[in-house]
Protein backbone atom coordinates (compact mmCIF):
# COMPACT_ATOMS: atom_id res chain seq x y z
CA MET A 1 67.24 29.87 63.26
CA LYS A 2 66.67 30.40 66.95
CA ILE A 3 66.13 27.49 69.38
CA ILE A 4 64.43 28.34 72.69
CA ASP A 5 63.64 26.20 75.73
CA LEU A 6 60.18 27.25 76.93
CA GLU A 7 59.26 27.26 80.60
CA PRO A 8 55.80 26.57 82.06
CA GLY A 9 53.57 29.60 81.77
CA ASP A 10 55.34 30.94 78.69
CA PRO A 11 52.55 31.95 76.26
CA ARG A 12 54.68 30.72 73.34
CA LEU A 13 53.94 27.15 74.46
CA HIS A 14 50.33 27.50 73.30
CA ASP A 15 50.65 30.25 70.73
CA ASP A 16 53.71 28.96 68.85
CA LEU A 17 54.74 25.45 69.86
CA LEU A 18 51.35 23.73 70.18
CA PRO A 19 50.23 24.37 66.58
CA VAL A 20 53.42 22.68 65.34
CA LEU A 21 53.14 19.86 67.89
CA LEU A 22 49.59 19.19 66.67
CA GLU A 23 51.03 18.07 63.34
CA LEU A 24 52.53 15.10 65.21
CA ARG A 25 49.98 14.79 68.03
CA PRO A 26 46.58 15.74 66.53
CA HIS A 27 44.73 14.26 69.53
CA LEU A 28 45.95 17.07 71.79
CA THR A 29 43.77 19.98 72.79
CA GLY A 30 45.00 23.16 74.42
CA GLU A 31 43.56 22.04 77.74
CA LEU A 32 45.05 18.52 77.51
CA PHE A 33 48.45 19.98 76.58
CA ARG A 34 48.36 22.29 79.63
CA GLU A 35 47.37 19.36 81.87
CA ILE A 36 50.10 17.10 80.52
CA TYR A 37 52.77 19.77 80.94
CA ALA A 38 51.58 20.62 84.46
CA LYS A 39 51.92 16.96 85.47
CA GLY A 40 54.97 16.21 83.31
CA HIS A 41 57.15 19.19 84.20
CA PRO A 42 57.82 17.97 87.78
CA GLN A 43 58.75 14.62 86.18
CA GLY A 44 61.29 16.35 83.91
CA LEU A 45 59.21 17.10 80.79
CA ARG A 46 60.53 20.11 78.88
CA PHE A 47 59.65 21.72 75.55
CA THR A 48 61.88 23.41 73.03
CA ALA A 49 60.79 25.47 70.02
CA ALA A 50 62.65 26.29 66.82
CA TYR A 51 61.97 29.66 65.21
CA ALA A 52 62.67 30.71 61.64
CA ASP A 53 64.30 34.04 60.90
CA ASP A 54 60.84 35.55 60.32
CA GLY A 55 59.85 34.67 63.91
CA SER A 56 57.50 31.81 63.06
CA CYS A 57 57.72 28.57 65.02
CA VAL A 58 58.87 25.82 62.66
CA GLY A 59 59.82 23.01 65.05
CA ALA A 60 58.96 21.55 68.42
CA ALA A 61 60.56 19.04 70.75
CA GLY A 62 59.33 17.54 73.99
CA TRP A 63 62.01 15.82 76.03
CA ARG A 64 63.18 14.74 79.47
CA ILE A 65 66.32 13.50 81.17
CA THR A 66 65.89 10.25 83.07
CA ASP A 67 68.03 7.82 85.01
CA ASN A 68 67.50 4.08 84.64
CA THR A 69 69.33 0.80 84.97
CA SER A 70 69.72 0.10 81.24
CA GLN A 71 71.25 3.36 80.00
CA ILE A 72 72.17 5.01 83.31
CA ARG A 73 71.27 8.58 82.27
CA LYS A 74 69.62 9.51 78.99
CA LEU A 75 67.82 12.32 77.27
CA TYR A 76 64.59 10.86 75.93
CA VAL A 77 62.81 12.71 73.14
CA ASP A 78 59.03 12.41 73.58
CA ASP A 79 58.18 14.57 70.56
CA LEU A 80 60.17 15.88 67.62
CA VAL A 81 58.38 17.59 64.76
CA THR A 82 59.13 20.10 62.04
CA ALA A 83 56.23 22.09 60.59
CA ALA A 84 55.23 20.56 57.25
CA HIS A 85 56.12 23.69 55.28
CA ALA A 86 59.62 23.78 56.83
CA ARG A 87 60.71 20.15 56.42
CA SER A 88 64.08 19.45 54.80
CA THR A 89 65.37 22.90 55.77
CA GLY A 90 67.56 21.85 58.71
CA VAL A 91 65.06 22.44 61.52
CA GLY A 92 65.15 18.84 62.80
CA HIS A 93 68.94 18.78 62.62
CA HIS A 94 69.19 21.97 64.69
CA LEU A 95 66.67 20.72 67.26
CA LEU A 96 68.51 17.41 67.65
CA ALA A 97 71.86 19.21 67.98
CA HIS A 98 70.35 21.43 70.69
CA LEU A 99 69.00 18.39 72.55
CA GLU A 100 72.32 16.58 72.21
CA ALA A 101 74.06 19.58 73.79
CA HIS A 102 71.59 19.40 76.70
CA ALA A 103 72.29 15.67 77.03
CA ARG A 104 76.04 16.07 77.06
CA ALA A 105 75.88 18.94 79.57
CA ALA A 106 73.73 16.78 81.86
CA GLY A 107 76.12 13.82 81.71
CA CYS A 108 73.81 11.63 79.65
CA HIS A 109 75.16 8.45 78.07
CA HIS A 110 72.40 8.28 75.43
CA LEU A 111 69.90 10.34 73.49
CA ASN A 112 66.98 8.25 72.31
CA LEU A 113 63.43 8.30 71.07
CA ASP A 114 60.67 6.05 69.81
CA SER A 115 59.20 6.48 66.35
CA GLY A 116 56.03 4.95 64.95
CA THR A 117 56.71 2.11 62.53
CA HIS A 118 54.81 3.93 59.77
CA ARG A 119 57.02 7.07 59.93
CA THR A 120 59.57 5.95 57.34
CA ASP A 121 60.59 9.51 56.35
CA ALA A 122 61.40 10.22 59.99
CA HIS A 123 63.40 6.99 60.20
CA ARG A 124 65.56 8.01 57.25
CA PHE A 125 66.17 11.37 58.96
CA TYR A 126 67.13 9.71 62.26
CA HIS A 127 69.59 7.41 60.50
CA ARG A 128 71.17 10.40 58.71
CA GLU A 129 71.51 12.09 62.11
CA GLY A 130 73.45 9.12 63.51
CA LEU A 131 70.69 7.43 65.52
CA THR A 132 70.47 3.66 65.26
CA ILE A 133 67.71 1.17 65.95
CA ALA A 134 68.74 -0.27 69.30
CA ALA A 135 65.57 -1.91 70.60
CA PHE A 136 61.96 -2.79 69.94
CA ASN A 137 59.26 -0.90 71.80
CA PHE A 138 56.35 -3.09 72.88
CA ASP A 139 53.01 -1.53 73.73
CA LYS A 140 49.71 -2.67 75.18
CA GLU A 141 46.83 -0.21 75.07
CA LEU A 142 44.97 -0.22 78.38
CA SER A 143 41.82 1.70 77.43
């Protein structure tokens, strides 16, 4: 497995990573994804892709490093998804390990993410990977 951090303008963002990301974020379009990354990259948004030995993209992660008063410095995972056909093959583990290495190198005190309450399979995976439930996330839709 090969894990690659993709920079803005890299055609693999749309050709490889986006189709996998759509499994988690089906509301995205190619244009909306480009717009979000163009605005998010200056704010720290980054994307990482996991490739199988055959060269196919089997995992995607969107993440950023932020500083705040509660956790000082953290790597926050916006998106973490393994392609449906590649689940339970170690892709998620390798992506999380890669992100943890980024976090440690950047002096982060935490790696965290939010996960929808209905994603029970993902929750079991996160617990196996050593993540704990540390807070509730409250949301108010403004549309």
